């Protein structure tokens, strides 16, 4: 198992840029001073950075967590700004699988711009809802987007969602 000390011997981490660079040249693909790892894009559009150390592939943000904290993360690593290639320290936090899943970008078919707020065309009102433990909870219908958003923010607080849920 890769240790924090061994990782720190191999790599430099710049918390301002979120970049890992090799400390010294290890082979033709790992040249000292150059950025380590590469961006990997998946079919679903998700992309992140990965790095190979001792023939094993690691997610870059997990290696960064190991370098900075000295231990492997006990939960998932969440990117606060939804950009999985932005590994600046201020953008990373440990989160449970459920918390990490809540921190998603708005759906492309969201017309209101606010997570959990839907325009109810039939009633000409904004409907607010929240999903908790795989169950939709109805919060009400509102005449204004601001009122619906306020109800949703209250529900976020009540159910313990973090501040940038669904931004």
Protein backbone atom coordinates (compact mmCIF):
# COMPACT_ATOMS: atom_id res chain seq x y z
CA UNK A 1 0.00 0.00 0.00
CA UNK A 2 1.30 3.41 -0.98
CA UNK A 3 2.22 5.58 2.01
CA UNK A 4 2.09 9.35 2.44
CA UNK A 5 5.86 9.50 2.95
CA UNK A 6 6.56 7.55 -0.25
CA UNK A 7 4.11 9.69 -2.20
CA UNK A 8 5.69 12.90 -0.91
CA UNK A 9 9.11 11.59 -2.04
CA UNK A 10 7.78 11.06 -5.58
CA UNK A 11 5.51 14.08 -6.03
CA UNK A 12 5.16 17.78 -5.29
CA UNK A 13 1.69 19.18 -4.74
CA UNK A 14 0.76 22.83 -5.33
CA UNK A 15 -2.47 23.52 -3.38
CA UNK A 16 -3.06 26.77 -5.30
CA UNK A 17 -3.12 25.13 -8.74
CA UNK A 18 -4.12 21.63 -7.67
CA UNK A 19 -1.27 20.15 -9.73
CA UNK A 20 0.96 17.23 -8.87
CA UNK A 21 4.43 17.28 -10.43
CA UNK A 22 7.13 14.63 -10.40
CA UNK A 23 10.07 15.43 -8.12
CA UNK A 24 12.55 13.63 -10.38
CA UNK A 25 12.63 11.70 -13.66
CA UNK A 26 11.58 8.09 -13.16
CA UNK A 27 11.12 6.97 -16.77
CA UNK A 28 10.41 8.47 -20.17
CA UNK A 29 6.82 9.18 -19.09
CA UNK A 30 7.54 10.58 -15.61
CA UNK A 31 9.89 13.51 -16.11
CA UNK A 32 10.98 15.58 -13.13
CA UNK A 33 9.18 18.91 -12.85
CA UNK A 34 6.41 17.96 -15.28
CA UNK A 35 2.78 17.55 -14.34
CA UNK A 36 1.99 14.01 -13.24
CA UNK A 37 -0.95 11.98 -14.46
CA UNK A 38 -3.46 12.61 -17.19
CA UNK A 39 -7.10 13.51 -17.68
CA UNK A 40 -9.40 10.57 -18.32
CA UNK A 41 -12.77 11.18 -19.99
CA UNK A 42 -15.54 8.64 -19.63
CA UNK A 43 -18.45 7.92 -21.97
CA UNK A 44 -20.95 9.60 -19.63
CA UNK A 45 -19.07 12.92 -19.96
CA UNK A 46 -17.44 12.69 -16.52
CA UNK A 47 -13.71 13.27 -16.49
CA UNK A 48 -11.08 13.33 -13.78
CA UNK A 49 -7.30 13.12 -13.49
CA UNK A 50 -5.52 9.88 -12.75
CA UNK A 51 -1.94 9.03 -11.94
CA UNK A 52 0.00 5.76 -12.14
CA UNK A 53 2.36 4.98 -9.28
CA UNK A 54 4.17 1.64 -9.10
CA UNK A 55 1.99 0.21 -11.88
CA UNK A 56 -1.22 1.05 -10.04
CA UNK A 57 -3.71 3.71 -11.16
CA UNK A 58 -5.01 6.23 -8.59
CA UNK A 59 -7.42 9.14 -8.84
CA UNK A 60 -5.33 12.29 -8.50
CA UNK A 61 -7.58 13.83 -5.82
CA UNK A 62 -7.14 10.73 -3.62
CA UNK A 63 -3.34 10.95 -3.91
CA UNK A 64 -3.54 14.65 -3.03
CA UNK A 65 -5.62 13.82 0.04
CA UNK A 66 -2.94 11.32 1.09
CA UNK A 67 -0.13 13.87 0.60
CA UNK A 68 -1.86 16.71 2.48
CA UNK A 69 -3.47 14.82 5.36
CA UNK A 70 -1.01 11.93 5.71
CA UNK A 71 -3.74 9.28 5.46
CA UNK A 72 -6.03 7.72 2.90
CA UNK A 73 -9.53 9.23 2.81
CA UNK A 74 -12.13 7.32 4.81
CA UNK A 75 -14.95 8.63 2.59
CA UNK A 76 -15.23 9.82 -1.00
CA UNK A 77 -13.51 13.03 -2.09
CA UNK A 78 -16.01 15.62 -3.28
CA UNK A 79 -15.11 18.50 -5.60
CA UNK A 80 -17.05 21.49 -4.25
CA UNK A 81 -17.24 23.25 -7.62
CA UNK A 82 -18.32 20.10 -9.51
CA UNK A 83 -15.14 20.09 -11.62
CA UNK A 84 -13.42 16.75 -10.99
CA UNK A 85 -10.21 17.96 -12.65
CA UNK A 86 -9.91 20.95 -10.28
CA UNK A 87 -7.81 19.51 -7.46
CA UNK A 88 -6.98 22.70 -5.58
CA UNK A 89 -7.05 21.94 -1.86
CA UNK A 90 -9.79 24.51 -1.22
CA UNK A 91 -12.02 22.59 -3.68
CA UNK A 92 -11.69 19.18 -2.01
CA UNK A 93 -13.55 17.73 0.96
CA UNK A 94 -14.40 14.32 2.32
CA UNK A 95 -18.04 13.34 1.85
CA UNK A 96 -20.19 10.27 2.16
CA UNK A 97 -21.44 8.69 -1.06
CA UNK A 98 -24.85 10.28 -0.46
CA UNK A 99 -23.38 13.75 0.22
CA UNK A 100 -21.18 13.49 -2.86
CA UNK A 101 -24.17 12.43 -4.94
CA UNK A 102 -26.13 15.46 -3.77
CA UNK A 103 -23.39 17.79 -4.98
CA UNK A 104 -24.24 17.58 -8.66
CA UNK A 105 -24.67 20.15 -11.36
CA UNK A 106 -28.18 21.13 -12.27
CA UNK A 107 -29.87 18.87 -14.76
CA UNK A 108 -29.65 20.20 -18.32
CA UNK A 109 -33.46 20.17 -18.50
CA UNK A 110 -33.87 22.32 -15.35
CA UNK A 111 -35.65 25.47 -16.54
CA UNK A 112 -35.68 27.38 -13.23
CA UNK A 113 -31.96 27.31 -12.50
CA UNK A 114 -32.54 26.05 -8.96
CA UNK A 115 -32.30 22.43 -7.89
CA UNK A 116 -35.64 21.06 -6.66
CA UNK A 117 -37.74 23.86 -8.17
CA UNK A 118 -40.01 23.01 -11.09
CA UNK A 119 -42.32 25.26 -13.07
CA UNK A 120 -45.81 23.72 -12.93
CA UNK A 121 -47.26 24.89 -16.22
CA UNK A 122 -50.75 23.54 -15.50
CA UNK A 123 -51.10 25.56 -12.28
CA UNK A 124 -48.80 28.44 -13.26
CA UNK A 125 -46.83 28.09 -10.04
CA UNK A 126 -43.36 27.01 -8.94
CA UNK A 127 -43.31 23.61 -7.21
CA UNK A 128 -40.57 22.94 -4.65
CA UNK A 129 -39.46 19.46 -3.63
CA UNK A 130 -36.48 17.68 -2.18
CA UNK A 131 -35.31 14.06 -2.31
CA UNK A 132 -34.24 12.49 0.99
CA UNK A 133 -33.31 8.82 1.27
CA UNK A 134 -34.66 8.16 -2.24
CA UNK A 135 -38.07 9.71 -1.41
CA UNK A 136 -39.47 12.90 -2.92
CA UNK A 137 -40.77 15.31 -0.29
CA UNK A 138 -43.23 17.90 -1.55
CA UNK A 139 -42.53 21.38 -0.14
CA UNK A 140 -45.38 23.31 -1.75
CA UNK A 141 -46.38 25.45 -4.72
CA UNK A 142 -45.41 29.11 -4.82
CA UNK A 143 -46.31 32.17 -6.87
CA UNK A 144 -42.70 33.35 -7.13
CA UNK A 145 -39.41 31.65 -7.78
CA UNK A 146 -37.94 33.45 -4.76
CA UNK A 147 -40.54 31.95 -2.40
CA UNK A 148 -40.00 28.46 -3.83
CA UNK A 149 -36.22 28.88 -3.51
CA UNK A 150 -36.59 30.00 0.13
CA UNK A 151 -38.64 26.88 0.91
CA UNK A 152 -36.01 24.72 -0.76
CA UNK A 153 -33.16 26.40 1.20
CA UNK A 154 -35.05 25.76 4.46
CA UNK A 155 -35.45 22.09 3.49
CA UNK A 156 -31.73 21.86 2.61
CA UNK A 157 -30.91 23.08 6.12
CA UNK A 158 -33.53 20.86 7.79
CA UNK A 159 -32.24 17.73 6.05
CA UNK A 160 -28.55 18.61 6.47
CA UNK A 161 -27.57 19.26 2.86
CA UNK A 162 -24.32 21.18 2.42
CA UNK A 163 -24.28 24.78 1.20
CA UNK A 164 -23.51 24.16 -2.47
CA UNK A 165 -25.88 21.26 -3.05
CA UNK A 166 -26.93 21.20 -6.70
CA UNK A 167 -25.33 24.46 -7.77
